[in-house]
Amino acid sequence: MYGWVIVLLVFLCFYTILQGVTKLLQQRKHLEDDTLRKVVDTSIRYEKNYDAAIGHLGICEKCQKRLEEISKE
């Protein structure tokens, strides 16, 4: 009788986990220099990839170092 509820709950859990994994994988890609320049001049705040870029910068030392180099140019 409640089998469909269990199936729905399992599906929702799977979907939520899949979304989280997808976000993590997207954050692993290094940011392009153009994106880093937009971070430096703050124009990235108006783009849809703002959250992903800032999130990536929070965990990626390579992009943090590149951002430092770009900001000194």
PDB file of N, CA and C in Angstrom:
ATOM      1  N   MET A   1       0.813  -1.192   0.000  1.00  0.00           N
ATOM      2  CA  MET A   1       0.000   0.000   0.000  1.00  0.00           C
ATOM      3  C   MET A   1       0.867   1.271   0.000  1.00  0.00           C
ATOM      4  N   TYR A   2       1.900   1.282   0.807  1.00  0.00           N
ATOM      5  CA  TYR A   2       2.769   2.459   0.856  1.00  0.00           C
ATOM      6  C   TYR A   2       4.028   2.271   0.018  1.00  0.00           C
ATOM      7  N   GLY A   3       4.029   1.290  -0.848  1.00  0.00           N
ATOM      8  CA  GLY A   3       5.186   1.015  -1.686  1.00  0.00           C
ATOM      9  C   GLY A   3       5.545   2.178  -2.580  1.00  0.00           C
ATOM     10  N   TRP A   4       4.578   2.845  -3.139  1.00  0.00           N
ATOM     11  CA  TRP A   4       4.850   3.978  -4.021  1.00  0.00           C
ATOM     12  C   TRP A   4       5.476   5.140  -3.260  1.00  0.00           C
ATOM     13  N   VAL A   5       5.126   5.294  -1.967  1.00  0.00           N
ATOM     14  CA  VAL A   5       5.712   6.363  -1.154  1.00  0.00           C
ATOM     15  C   VAL A   5       7.196   6.088  -0.946  1.00  0.00           C
ATOM     16  N   ILE A   6       7.527   4.839  -0.690  1.00  0.00           N
ATOM     17  CA  ILE A   6       8.931   4.451  -0.488  1.00  0.00           C
ATOM     18  C   ILE A   6       9.718   4.667  -1.769  1.00  0.00           C
ATOM     19  N   VAL A   7       9.142   4.274  -2.890  1.00  0.00           N
ATOM     20  CA  VAL A   7       9.801   4.474  -4.176  1.00  0.00           C
ATOM     21  C   VAL A   7      10.034   5.967  -4.430  1.00  0.00           C
ATOM     22  N   LEU A   8       9.058   6.778  -4.128  1.00  0.00           N
ATOM     23  CA  LEU A   8       9.184   8.224  -4.309  1.00  0.00           C
ATOM     24  C   LEU A   8      10.273   8.796  -3.398  1.00  0.00           C
ATOM     25  N   LEU A   9      10.324   8.358  -2.151  1.00  0.00           N
ATOM     26  CA  LEU A   9      11.345   8.836  -1.230  1.00  0.00           C
ATOM     27  C   LEU A   9      12.750   8.417  -1.677  1.00  0.00           C
ATOM     28  N   VAL A  10      12.884   7.199  -2.157  1.00  0.00           N
ATOM     29  CA  VAL A  10      14.176   6.732  -2.659  1.00  0.00           C
ATOM     30  C   VAL A  10      14.593   7.555  -3.872  1.00  0.00           C
ATOM     31  N   PHE A  11      13.670   7.812  -4.757  1.00  0.00           N
ATOM     32  CA  PHE A  11      13.963   8.621  -5.934  1.00  0.00           C
ATOM     33  C   PHE A  11      14.402  10.025  -5.543  1.00  0.00           C
ATOM     34  N   LEU A  12      13.685  10.646  -4.607  1.00  0.00           N
ATOM     35  CA  LEU A  12      14.042  11.996  -4.168  1.00  0.00           C
ATOM     36  C   LEU A  12      15.424  12.024  -3.508  1.00  0.00           C
ATOM     37  N   CYS A  13      15.742  11.007  -2.723  1.00  0.00           N
ATOM     38  CA  CYS A  13      17.072  10.928  -2.106  1.00  0.00           C
ATOM     39  C   CYS A  13      18.145  10.788  -3.181  1.00  0.00           C
ATOM     40  N   PHE A  14      17.927   9.916  -4.136  1.00  0.00           N
ATOM     41  CA  PHE A  14      18.881   9.713  -5.221  1.00  0.00           C
ATOM     42  C   PHE A  14      19.078  10.997  -6.015  1.00  0.00           C
ATOM     43  N   TYR A  15      17.999  11.671  -6.309  1.00  0.00           N
ATOM     44  CA  TYR A  15      18.058  12.922  -7.074  1.00  0.00           C
ATOM     45  C   TYR A  15      18.849  13.989  -6.317  1.00  0.00           C
ATOM     46  N   THR A  16      18.612  14.113  -5.028  1.00  0.00           N
ATOM     47  CA  THR A  16      19.320  15.097  -4.205  1.00  0.00           C
ATOM     48  C   THR A  16      20.812  14.796  -4.157  1.00  0.00           C
ATOM     49  N   ILE A  17      21.169  13.541  -3.989  1.00  0.00           N
ATOM     50  CA  ILE A  17      22.578  13.140  -3.966  1.00  0.00           C
ATOM     51  C   ILE A  17      23.225  13.422  -5.321  1.00  0.00           C
ATOM     52  N   LEU A  18      22.534  13.124  -6.390  1.00  0.00           N
ATOM     53  CA  LEU A  18      23.048  13.363  -7.734  1.00  0.00           C
ATOM     54  C   LEU A  18      23.309  14.851  -7.972  1.00  0.00           C
ATOM     55  N   GLN A  19      22.432  15.703  -7.504  1.00  0.00           N
ATOM     56  CA  GLN A  19      22.638  17.150  -7.650  1.00  0.00           C
ATOM     57  C   GLN A  19      23.884  17.594  -6.888  1.00  0.00           C
ATOM     58  N   GLY A  20      24.079  17.085  -5.687  1.00  0.00           N
ATOM     59  CA  GLY A  20      25.249  17.445  -4.902  1.00  0.00           C
ATOM     60  C   GLY A  20      26.542  17.006  -5.560  1.00  0.00           C
ATOM     61  N   VAL A  21      26.547  15.782  -6.085  1.00  0.00           N
ATOM     62  CA  VAL A  21      27.735  15.264  -6.766  1.00  0.00           C
ATOM     63  C   VAL A  21      28.028  16.083  -8.013  1.00  0.00           C
ATOM     64  N   THR A  22      27.000  16.448  -8.753  1.00  0.00           N
ATOM     65  CA  THR A  22      27.171  17.259  -9.953  1.00  0.00           C
ATOM     66  C   THR A  22      27.799  18.605  -9.605  1.00  0.00           C
ATOM     67  N   LYS A  23      27.340  19.243  -8.534  1.00  0.00           N
ATOM     68  CA  LYS A  23      27.915  20.527  -8.122  1.00  0.00           C
ATOM     69  C   LYS A  23      29.377  20.371  -7.731  1.00  0.00           C
ATOM     70  N   LEU A  24      29.693  19.297  -7.022  1.00  0.00           N
ATOM     71  CA  LEU A  24      31.085  19.068  -6.627  1.00  0.00           C
ATOM     72  C   LEU A  24      31.977  18.864  -7.845  1.00  0.00           C
ATOM     73  N   LEU A  25      31.508  18.114  -8.812  1.00  0.00           N
ATOM     74  CA  LEU A  25      32.306  17.874 -10.014  1.00  0.00           C
ATOM     75  C   LEU A  25      32.507  19.157 -10.803  1.00  0.00           C
ATOM     76  N   GLN A  26      31.504  20.012 -10.845  1.00  0.00           N
ATOM     77  CA  GLN A  26      31.645  21.280 -11.552  1.00  0.00           C
ATOM     78  C   GLN A  26      32.660  22.178 -10.868  1.00  0.00           C
ATOM     79  N   GLN A  27      32.754  22.085  -9.556  1.00  0.00           N
ATOM     80  CA  GLN A  27      33.698  22.921  -8.823  1.00  0.00           C
ATOM     81  C   GLN A  27      35.130  22.453  -9.006  1.00  0.00           C
ATOM     82  N   ARG A  28      35.336  21.239  -9.455  1.00  0.00           N
ATOM     83  CA  ARG A  28      36.687  20.717  -9.629  1.00  0.00           C
ATOM     84  C   ARG A  28      37.374  21.286 -10.858  1.00  0.00           C
ATOM     85  N   LYS A  29      36.605  21.767 -11.824  1.00  0.00           N
ATOM     86  CA  LYS A  29      37.193  22.334 -13.030  1.00  0.00           C
ATOM     87  C   LYS A  29      37.873  23.649 -12.673  1.00  0.00           C
ATOM     88  N   HIS A  30      39.075  23.844 -13.162  1.00  0.00           N
ATOM     89  CA  HIS A  30      39.780  25.090 -12.885  1.00  0.00           C
ATOM     90  C   HIS A  30      39.137  26.232 -13.658  1.00  0.00           C
ATOM     91  N   LEU A  31      39.195  27.401 -13.058  1.00  0.00           N
ATOM     92  CA  LEU A  31      38.601  28.589 -13.675  1.00  0.00           C
ATOM     93  C   LEU A  31      39.519  29.129 -14.768  1.00  0.00           C
ATOM     94  N   GLU A  32      38.916  29.632 -15.812  1.00  0.00           N
ATOM     95  CA  GLU A  32      39.678  30.230 -16.902  1.00  0.00           C
ATOM     96  C   GLU A  32      40.160  31.615 -16.477  1.00  0.00           C
ATOM     97  N   ASP A  33      41.227  32.073 -17.109  1.00  0.00           N
ATOM     98  CA  ASP A  33      41.782  33.388 -16.776  1.00  0.00           C
ATOM     99  C   ASP A  33      40.758  34.501 -16.950  1.00  0.00           C
ATOM    100  N   ASP A  34      39.910  34.391 -17.963  1.00  0.00           N
ATOM    101  CA  ASP A  34      38.885  35.403 -18.196  1.00  0.00           C
ATOM    102  C   ASP A  34      37.942  35.496 -16.994  1.00  0.00           C
ATOM    103  N   THR A  35      37.564  34.355 -16.453  1.00  0.00           N
ATOM    104  CA  THR A  35      36.691  34.326 -15.278  1.00  0.00           C
ATOM    105  C   THR A  35      37.400  34.924 -14.074  1.00  0.00           C
ATOM    106  N   LEU A  36      38.680  34.590 -13.909  1.00  0.00           N
ATOM    107  CA  LEU A  36      39.443  35.139 -12.787  1.00  0.00           C
ATOM    108  C   LEU A  36      39.582  36.659 -12.906  1.00  0.00           C
ATOM    109  N   ARG A  37      39.738  37.166 -14.121  1.00  0.00           N
ATOM    110  CA  ARG A  37      39.809  38.619 -14.320  1.00  0.00           C
ATOM    111  C   ARG A  37      38.484  39.286 -13.918  1.00  0.00           C
ATOM    112  N   LYS A  38      37.389  38.611 -14.218  1.00  0.00           N
ATOM    113  CA  LYS A  38      36.081  39.141 -13.835  1.00  0.00           C
ATOM    114  C   LYS A  38      35.906  39.132 -12.318  1.00  0.00           C
ATOM    115  N   VAL A  39      36.532  38.171 -11.651  1.00  0.00           N
ATOM    116  CA  VAL A  39      36.503  38.159 -10.186  1.00  0.00           C
ATOM    117  C   VAL A  39      37.267  39.360  -9.654  1.00  0.00           C
ATOM    118  N   VAL A  40      38.425  39.632 -10.250  1.00  0.00           N
ATOM    119  CA  VAL A  40      39.261  40.749  -9.810  1.00  0.00           C
ATOM    120  C   VAL A  40      38.526  42.078  -9.987  1.00  0.00           C
ATOM    121  N   ASP A  41      37.891  42.273 -11.135  1.00  0.00           N
ATOM    122  CA  ASP A  41      37.213  43.560 -11.355  1.00  0.00           C
ATOM    123  C   ASP A  41      35.752  43.551 -10.871  1.00  0.00           C
ATOM    124  N   THR A  42      35.369  42.501 -10.190  1.00  0.00           N
ATOM    125  CA  THR A  42      34.038  42.317  -9.564  1.00  0.00           C
ATOM    126  C   THR A  42      32.867  42.285 -10.538  1.00  0.00           C
ATOM    127  N   SER A  43      33.123  42.221 -11.827  1.00  0.00           N
ATOM    128  CA  SER A  43      32.012  42.161 -12.786  1.00  0.00           C
ATOM    129  C   SER A  43      31.346  40.793 -12.804  1.00  0.00           C
ATOM    130  N   ILE A  44      31.974  39.799 -12.199  1.00  0.00           N
ATOM    131  CA  ILE A  44      31.387  38.449 -12.208  1.00  0.00           C
ATOM    132  C   ILE A  44      30.130  38.374 -11.343  1.00  0.00           C
ATOM    133  N   ARG A  45      29.971  39.328 -10.439  1.00  0.00           N
ATOM    134  CA  ARG A  45      28.796  39.307  -9.557  1.00  0.00           C
ATOM    135  C   ARG A  45      27.488  39.316 -10.326  1.00  0.00           C
ATOM    136  N   TYR A  46      27.534  39.775 -11.546  1.00  0.00           N
ATOM    137  CA  TYR A  46      26.311  39.899 -12.336  1.00  0.00           C
ATOM    138  C   TYR A  46      26.107  38.732 -13.301  1.00  0.00           C
ATOM    139  N   GLU A  47      26.939  37.699 -13.178  1.00  0.00           N
ATOM    140  CA  GLU A  47      26.823  36.541 -14.069  1.00  0.00           C
ATOM    141  C   GLU A  47      26.268  35.341 -13.306  1.00  0.00           C
ATOM    142  N   LYS A  48      25.682  34.419 -14.066  1.00  0.00           N
ATOM    143  CA  LYS A  48      25.028  33.278 -13.430  1.00  0.00           C
ATOM    144  C   LYS A  48      26.022  32.288 -12.816  1.00  0.00           C
ATOM    145  N   ASN A  49      27.280  32.319 -13.233  1.00  0.00           N
ATOM    146  CA  ASN A  49      28.251  31.370 -12.695  1.00  0.00           C
ATOM    147  C   ASN A  49      29.006  31.927 -11.485  1.00  0.00           C
ATOM    148  N   TYR A  50      28.518  33.011 -10.912  1.00  0.00           N
ATOM    149  CA  TYR A  50      29.173  33.657  -9.768  1.00  0.00           C
ATOM    150  C   TYR A  50      29.354  32.689  -8.596  1.00  0.00           C
ATOM    151  N   ASP A  51      28.280  32.034  -8.177  1.00  0.00           N
ATOM    152  CA  ASP A  51      28.348  31.136  -7.020  1.00  0.00           C
ATOM    153  C   ASP A  51      29.328  29.994  -7.254  1.00  0.00           C
ATOM    154  N   ALA A  52      29.303  29.425  -8.442  1.00  0.00           N
ATOM    155  CA  ALA A  52      30.211  28.322  -8.744  1.00  0.00           C
ATOM    156  C   ALA A  52      31.666  28.785  -8.738  1.00  0.00           C
ATOM    157  N   ALA A  53      31.922  29.950  -9.295  1.00  0.00           N
ATOM    158  CA  ALA A  53      33.292  30.463  -9.348  1.00  0.00           C
ATOM    159  C   ALA A  53      33.825  30.758  -7.953  1.00  0.00           C
ATOM    160  N   ILE A  54      33.033  31.409  -7.132  1.00  0.00           N
ATOM    161  CA  ILE A  54      33.452  31.726  -5.770  1.00  0.00           C
ATOM    162  C   ILE A  54      33.605  30.450  -4.948  1.00  0.00           C
ATOM    163  N   GLY A  55      32.711  29.507  -5.149  1.00  0.00           N
ATOM    164  CA  GLY A  55      32.820  28.229  -4.452  1.00  0.00           C
ATOM    165  C   GLY A  55      34.091  27.489  -4.825  1.00  0.00           C
ATOM    166  N   HIS A  56      34.426  27.517  -6.099  1.00  0.00           N
ATOM    167  CA  HIS A  56      35.642  26.855  -6.568  1.00  0.00           C
ATOM    168  C   HIS A  56      36.877  27.537  -5.981  1.00  0.00           C
ATOM    169  N   LEU A  57      36.879  28.845  -5.966  1.00  0.00           N
ATOM    170  CA  LEU A  57      38.020  29.581  -5.410  1.00  0.00           C
ATOM    171  C   LEU A  57      38.214  29.269  -3.925  1.00  0.00           C
ATOM    172  N   GLY A  58      37.158  28.915  -3.261  1.00  0.00           N
ATOM    173  CA  GLY A  58      37.250  28.579  -1.848  1.00  0.00           C
ATOM    174  C   GLY A  58      37.965  27.274  -1.574  1.00  0.00           C
ATOM    175  N   ILE A  59      38.055  26.399  -2.601  1.00  0.00           N
ATOM    176  CA  ILE A  59      38.663  25.078  -2.374  1.00  0.00           C
ATOM    177  C   ILE A  59      39.883  24.799  -3.248  1.00  0.00           C
ATOM    178  N   CYS A  60      40.159  25.628  -4.233  1.00  0.00           N
ATOM    179  CA  CYS A  60      41.216  25.320  -5.198  1.00  0.00           C
ATOM    180  C   CYS A  60      42.423  26.243  -5.014  1.00  0.00           C
ATOM    181  N   GLU A  61      43.504  25.691  -4.513  1.00  0.00           N
ATOM    182  CA  GLU A  61      44.716  26.488  -4.298  1.00  0.00           C
ATOM    183  C   GLU A  61      45.335  26.965  -5.613  1.00  0.00           C
ATOM    184  N   LYS A  62      45.246  26.136  -6.647  1.00  0.00           N
ATOM    185  CA  LYS A  62      45.814  26.514  -7.941  1.00  0.00           C
ATOM    186  C   LYS A  62      45.126  27.771  -8.487  1.00  0.00           C
ATOM    187  N   CYS A  63      43.812  27.806  -8.422  1.00  0.00           N
ATOM    188  CA  CYS A  63      43.079  28.971  -8.919  1.00  0.00           C
ATOM    189  C   CYS A  63      43.275  30.174  -7.999  1.00  0.00           C
ATOM    190  N   GLN A  64      43.445  29.941  -6.714  1.00  0.00           N
ATOM    191  CA  GLN A  64      43.725  31.043  -5.787  1.00  0.00           C
ATOM    192  C   GLN A  64      45.059  31.700  -6.140  1.00  0.00           C
ATOM    193  N   LYS A  65      46.059  30.879  -6.421  1.00  0.00           N
ATOM    194  CA  LYS A  65      47.374  31.417  -6.795  1.00  0.00           C
ATOM    195  C   LYS A  65      47.300  32.159  -8.122  1.00  0.00           C
ATOM    196  N   ARG A  66      46.582  31.603  -9.079  1.00  0.00           N
ATOM    197  CA  ARG A  66      46.433  32.263 -10.378  1.00  0.00           C
ATOM    198  C   ARG A  66      45.682  33.591 -10.221  1.00  0.00           C
ATOM    199  N   LEU A  67      44.682  33.613  -9.337  1.00  0.00           N
ATOM    200  CA  LEU A  67      43.935  34.849  -9.066  1.00  0.00           C
ATOM    201  C   LEU A  67      44.870  35.913  -8.496  1.00  0.00           C
ATOM    202  N   GLU A  68      45.751  35.512  -7.597  1.00  0.00           N
ATOM    203  CA  GLU A  68      46.738  36.450  -7.043  1.00  0.00           C
ATOM    204  C   GLU A  68      47.611  37.033  -8.149  1.00  0.00           C
ATOM    205  N   GLU A  69      48.086  36.161  -9.056  1.00  0.00           N
ATOM    206  CA  GLU A  69      48.936  36.619 -10.163  1.00  0.00           C
ATOM    207  C   GLU A  69      48.185  37.614 -11.044  1.00  0.00           C
ATOM    208  N   ILE A  70      46.958  37.303 -11.364  1.00  0.00           N
ATOM    209  CA  ILE A  70      46.146  38.164 -12.231  1.00  0.00           C
ATOM    210  C   ILE A  70      45.873  39.497 -11.553  1.00  0.00           C
ATOM    211  N   SER A  71      45.643  39.463 -10.258  1.00  0.00           N
ATOM    212  CA  SER A  71      45.323  40.718  -9.559  1.00  0.00           C
ATOM    213  C   SER A  71      46.538  41.640  -9.473  1.00  0.00           C
ATOM    214  N   LYS A  72      47.740  41.111  -9.658  1.00  0.00           N
ATOM    215  CA  LYS A  72      48.962  41.915  -9.638  1.00  0.00           C
ATOM    216  C   LYS A  72      49.310  42.490 -11.005  1.00  0.00           C
ATOM    217  N   GLU A  73      48.645  42.016 -12.044  1.00  0.00           N
ATOM    218  CA  GLU A  73      48.923  42.487 -13.410  1.00  0.00           C
ATOM    219  C   GLU A  73      48.498  43.925 -13.608  1.00  0.00           C
TER     220      GLU A  73
END
